[in-house]
Structures are given as structure tokens and as C-alpha cells.
Amino acid sequence: MGTSTLRPGEYTVAWTAAGTDSKVTFSQGKKEIAVVPATVAEKKNADTQIFTATTGTEKILQGINLKNATLTFSPAATAGK
């Protein structure tokens, strides 16, 4: 797992399992763009939301709320993403 920049666009997001040891894959079509470690909690969310932090001129992805899950990325995993 290296450094990846997620450009604006639509991605398919998939994960291996719920828990603290999950791996989240971002894909566009059949092309895998990035795989990052994450904590995945199965829970209902009213809205889909993306959580970011700004470091200098970059936005760092910290988490995503989906309809039936919350994905949380560790700061080390998302540095430079």
C-alpha cells in the first residue's frame, strides 16, 4: 500500500469485513485505485457523508458514512491520499 491521490469523481468502495482490521478498496470501473486500512463499523446512517481534514493545500480523507456502514481511516493510512 503506497500513496494514492483520489481525484474528484465517482468510486466504488468495498471492504473486507467489519472491525478494526479491514481493508477498503477504492475502484473506478475495473481499475483498483487505492487500498487502505480502516475501521469499519456496521451502522445505519441517514446520509452519505465524507469527512476530510485540510493539511496545507491537501484534503485528507478521514472517513465515510454510507447507508449501512461507517468507514474510518487512520491518519497514517490517509496521509497523502
N, C-alpha and C. Protein backbone atom coordinates (compact mmCIF):
# COMPACT_ATOMS: atom_id res chain seq x y z
N MET A 1 0.85 -1.18 0.00
CA MET A 1 0.00 0.00 0.00
C MET A 1 0.89 1.24 0.00
N GLY A 2 0.77 2.03 -1.04
CA GLY A 2 1.57 3.24 -1.14
C GLY A 2 0.70 4.46 -0.99
N THR A 3 1.12 5.53 -1.64
CA THR A 3 0.39 6.78 -1.57
C THR A 3 -0.45 6.92 -2.82
N SER A 4 -1.71 7.29 -2.66
CA SER A 4 -2.61 7.49 -3.79
C SER A 4 -3.37 8.78 -3.61
N THR A 5 -3.61 9.45 -4.72
CA THR A 5 -4.44 10.64 -4.71
C THR A 5 -5.76 10.27 -5.35
N LEU A 6 -6.84 10.49 -4.62
CA LEU A 6 -8.17 10.24 -5.16
C LEU A 6 -8.65 11.54 -5.80
N ARG A 7 -8.70 11.56 -7.09
CA ARG A 7 -9.17 12.72 -7.82
C ARG A 7 -10.69 12.80 -7.72
N PRO A 8 -11.26 13.99 -7.88
CA PRO A 8 -12.72 14.10 -7.87
C PRO A 8 -13.32 13.13 -8.89
N GLY A 9 -14.38 12.47 -8.48
CA GLY A 9 -15.03 11.52 -9.37
C GLY A 9 -15.86 10.54 -8.58
N GLU A 10 -16.36 9.54 -9.27
CA GLU A 10 -17.16 8.51 -8.63
C GLU A 10 -16.32 7.26 -8.45
N TYR A 11 -16.42 6.68 -7.25
CA TYR A 11 -15.65 5.49 -6.91
C TYR A 11 -16.57 4.41 -6.36
N THR A 12 -16.20 3.18 -6.59
CA THR A 12 -16.81 2.06 -5.91
C THR A 12 -15.95 1.80 -4.68
N VAL A 13 -16.60 1.67 -3.52
CA VAL A 13 -15.90 1.45 -2.27
C VAL A 13 -16.30 0.09 -1.73
N ALA A 14 -15.31 -0.76 -1.46
CA ALA A 14 -15.58 -2.10 -0.92
C ALA A 14 -14.61 -2.35 0.24
N TRP A 15 -15.02 -3.19 1.19
CA TRP A 15 -14.16 -3.51 2.33
C TRP A 15 -14.22 -4.99 2.61
N THR A 16 -13.19 -5.46 3.34
CA THR A 16 -13.06 -6.89 3.57
C THR A 16 -14.00 -7.41 4.64
N ALA A 17 -14.18 -6.67 5.74
CA ALA A 17 -15.04 -7.12 6.84
C ALA A 17 -15.20 -5.98 7.83
N ALA A 18 -16.22 -6.07 8.67
CA ALA A 18 -16.37 -5.08 9.73
C ALA A 18 -15.29 -5.31 10.78
N GLY A 19 -14.89 -4.24 11.46
CA GLY A 19 -13.91 -4.35 12.53
C GLY A 19 -12.75 -3.40 12.30
N THR A 20 -11.75 -3.53 13.17
CA THR A 20 -10.62 -2.61 13.14
C THR A 20 -9.53 -3.01 12.16
N ASP A 21 -9.61 -4.19 11.60
CA ASP A 21 -8.57 -4.71 10.71
C ASP A 21 -9.01 -4.79 9.26
N SER A 22 -9.93 -3.96 8.84
CA SER A 22 -10.47 -4.03 7.49
C SER A 22 -9.56 -3.34 6.49
N LYS A 23 -9.68 -3.72 5.24
CA LYS A 23 -9.01 -3.04 4.14
C LYS A 23 -10.10 -2.52 3.21
N VAL A 24 -10.01 -1.23 2.86
CA VAL A 24 -11.00 -0.60 1.99
C VAL A 24 -10.37 -0.38 0.62
N THR A 25 -11.09 -0.78 -0.41
CA THR A 25 -10.63 -0.63 -1.79
C THR A 25 -11.47 0.41 -2.50
N PHE A 26 -10.80 1.36 -3.15
CA PHE A 26 -11.45 2.37 -3.99
C PHE A 26 -11.17 1.97 -5.44
N SER A 27 -12.23 1.84 -6.24
CA SER A 27 -12.10 1.43 -7.63
C SER A 27 -12.91 2.35 -8.53
N GLN A 28 -12.47 2.43 -9.80
CA GLN A 28 -13.25 3.09 -10.84
C GLN A 28 -13.33 2.08 -11.98
N GLY A 29 -14.56 1.66 -12.28
CA GLY A 29 -14.72 0.58 -13.25
C GLY A 29 -14.04 -0.66 -12.72
N LYS A 30 -13.18 -1.27 -13.53
CA LYS A 30 -12.45 -2.46 -13.08
C LYS A 30 -11.06 -2.13 -12.55
N LYS A 31 -10.72 -0.83 -12.51
CA LYS A 31 -9.39 -0.41 -12.08
C LYS A 31 -9.37 -0.08 -10.59
N GLU A 32 -8.50 -0.79 -9.86
CA GLU A 32 -8.30 -0.54 -8.43
C GLU A 32 -7.42 0.70 -8.29
N ILE A 33 -7.92 1.72 -7.59
CA ILE A 33 -7.19 2.97 -7.43
C ILE A 33 -6.36 2.98 -6.15
N ALA A 34 -6.94 2.51 -5.05
CA ALA A 34 -6.22 2.53 -3.77
C ALA A 34 -6.81 1.48 -2.83
N VAL A 35 -5.95 0.95 -1.96
CA VAL A 35 -6.36 0.05 -0.87
C VAL A 35 -5.77 0.62 0.40
N VAL A 36 -6.62 0.87 1.40
CA VAL A 36 -6.15 1.46 2.66
C VAL A 36 -6.74 0.72 3.85
N PRO A 37 -5.98 0.65 4.96
CA PRO A 37 -6.53 0.05 6.18
C PRO A 37 -7.57 0.99 6.79
N ALA A 38 -8.57 0.40 7.42
CA ALA A 38 -9.64 1.21 8.02
C ALA A 38 -10.33 0.43 9.12
N THR A 39 -11.10 1.16 9.91
CA THR A 39 -12.03 0.57 10.85
C THR A 39 -13.40 0.69 10.21
N VAL A 40 -14.12 -0.43 10.15
CA VAL A 40 -15.45 -0.45 9.54
C VAL A 40 -16.46 -0.83 10.61
N ALA A 41 -17.42 0.06 10.84
CA ALA A 41 -18.49 -0.21 11.80
C ALA A 41 -19.79 -0.35 11.03
N GLU A 42 -20.48 -1.47 11.21
CA GLU A 42 -21.79 -1.65 10.58
C GLU A 42 -22.80 -0.86 11.37
N LYS A 43 -23.32 0.20 10.78
CA LYS A 43 -24.34 1.00 11.45
C LYS A 43 -25.14 1.76 10.41
N LYS A 44 -26.36 2.08 10.75
CA LYS A 44 -27.25 2.83 9.85
C LYS A 44 -26.90 4.31 9.93
N ASN A 45 -26.78 4.95 8.79
CA ASN A 45 -26.55 6.39 8.70
C ASN A 45 -27.65 7.00 7.84
N ALA A 46 -28.14 8.14 8.24
CA ALA A 46 -29.21 8.81 7.50
C ALA A 46 -28.74 9.32 6.14
N ASP A 47 -27.49 9.81 6.10
CA ASP A 47 -26.95 10.40 4.88
C ASP A 47 -25.58 9.83 4.57
N THR A 48 -25.21 9.86 3.30
CA THR A 48 -23.85 9.55 2.90
C THR A 48 -23.03 10.82 3.10
N GLN A 49 -21.92 10.71 3.82
CA GLN A 49 -21.06 11.86 4.10
C GLN A 49 -19.61 11.47 3.97
N ILE A 50 -18.80 12.42 3.56
CA ILE A 50 -17.35 12.25 3.51
C ILE A 50 -16.74 13.21 4.50
N PHE A 51 -15.80 12.72 5.31
CA PHE A 51 -15.13 13.56 6.30
C PHE A 51 -13.68 13.75 5.89
N THR A 52 -13.24 15.00 5.83
CA THR A 52 -11.88 15.31 5.44
C THR A 52 -11.25 16.28 6.44
N ALA A 53 -9.94 16.37 6.40
CA ALA A 53 -9.17 17.38 7.13
C ALA A 53 -8.26 18.04 6.12
N THR A 54 -7.98 19.30 6.33
CA THR A 54 -7.10 20.02 5.41
C THR A 54 -5.71 20.15 6.03
N THR A 55 -4.70 19.74 5.28
CA THR A 55 -3.31 19.87 5.69
C THR A 55 -2.60 20.63 4.58
N GLY A 56 -2.23 21.86 4.86
CA GLY A 56 -1.64 22.69 3.81
C GLY A 56 -2.66 22.92 2.72
N THR A 57 -2.36 22.47 1.52
CA THR A 57 -3.29 22.63 0.40
C THR A 57 -4.01 21.32 0.06
N GLU A 58 -3.77 20.26 0.83
CA GLU A 58 -4.38 18.96 0.55
C GLU A 58 -5.53 18.66 1.50
N LYS A 59 -6.53 17.96 0.98
CA LYS A 59 -7.60 17.43 1.83
C LYS A 59 -7.28 15.96 2.07
N ILE A 60 -7.33 15.56 3.32
CA ILE A 60 -7.03 14.19 3.72
C ILE A 60 -8.34 13.50 4.09
N LEU A 61 -8.62 12.38 3.44
CA LEU A 61 -9.83 11.62 3.71
C LEU A 61 -9.72 10.94 5.08
N GLN A 62 -10.68 11.25 5.96
CA GLN A 62 -10.66 10.66 7.31
C GLN A 62 -11.75 9.61 7.50
N GLY A 63 -12.85 9.73 6.78
CA GLY A 63 -13.91 8.76 6.96
C GLY A 63 -15.04 8.96 5.98
N ILE A 64 -15.89 7.93 5.91
CA ILE A 64 -17.06 7.96 5.03
C ILE A 64 -18.22 7.32 5.78
N ASN A 65 -19.35 8.01 5.82
CA ASN A 65 -20.60 7.40 6.29
C ASN A 65 -21.37 6.93 5.06
N LEU A 66 -21.68 5.64 5.03
CA LEU A 66 -22.52 5.07 3.99
C LEU A 66 -23.84 4.67 4.62
N LYS A 67 -24.77 4.21 3.81
CA LYS A 67 -26.10 3.87 4.32
C LYS A 67 -26.05 2.86 5.47
N ASN A 68 -25.21 1.83 5.34
CA ASN A 68 -25.17 0.77 6.34
C ASN A 68 -23.81 0.56 7.00
N ALA A 69 -22.91 1.53 6.86
CA ALA A 69 -21.57 1.36 7.45
C ALA A 69 -20.88 2.71 7.59
N THR A 70 -19.95 2.78 8.55
CA THR A 70 -19.08 3.93 8.72
C THR A 70 -17.65 3.45 8.57
N LEU A 71 -16.90 4.07 7.65
CA LEU A 71 -15.51 3.73 7.40
C LEU A 71 -14.66 4.84 8.01
N THR A 72 -13.69 4.48 8.85
CA THR A 72 -12.81 5.45 9.47
C THR A 72 -11.38 5.09 9.12
N PHE A 73 -10.65 6.05 8.58
CA PHE A 73 -9.26 5.83 8.16
C PHE A 73 -8.33 6.45 9.19
N SER A 74 -7.23 5.75 9.50
CA SER A 74 -6.27 6.28 10.46
C SER A 74 -5.45 7.37 9.78
N PRO A 75 -4.95 8.35 10.56
CA PRO A 75 -4.16 9.43 9.97
C PRO A 75 -2.96 8.92 9.18
N ALA A 76 -2.28 7.89 9.67
CA ALA A 76 -1.11 7.36 8.94
C ALA A 76 -1.52 6.73 7.62
N ALA A 77 -2.71 6.10 7.60
CA ALA A 77 -3.16 5.42 6.38
C ALA A 77 -3.58 6.41 5.31
N THR A 78 -4.04 7.59 5.72
CA THR A 78 -4.57 8.53 4.74
C THR A 78 -3.63 9.67 4.41
N ALA A 79 -2.45 9.69 5.00
CA ALA A 79 -1.51 10.78 4.70
C ALA A 79 -1.17 10.73 3.22
N GLY A 80 -1.39 11.84 2.55
CA GLY A 80 -1.09 11.92 1.13
C GLY A 80 -2.12 11.31 0.23
N LYS A 81 -3.27 10.94 0.73
CA LYS A 81 -4.33 10.36 -0.09
C LYS A 81 -5.22 11.43 -0.66
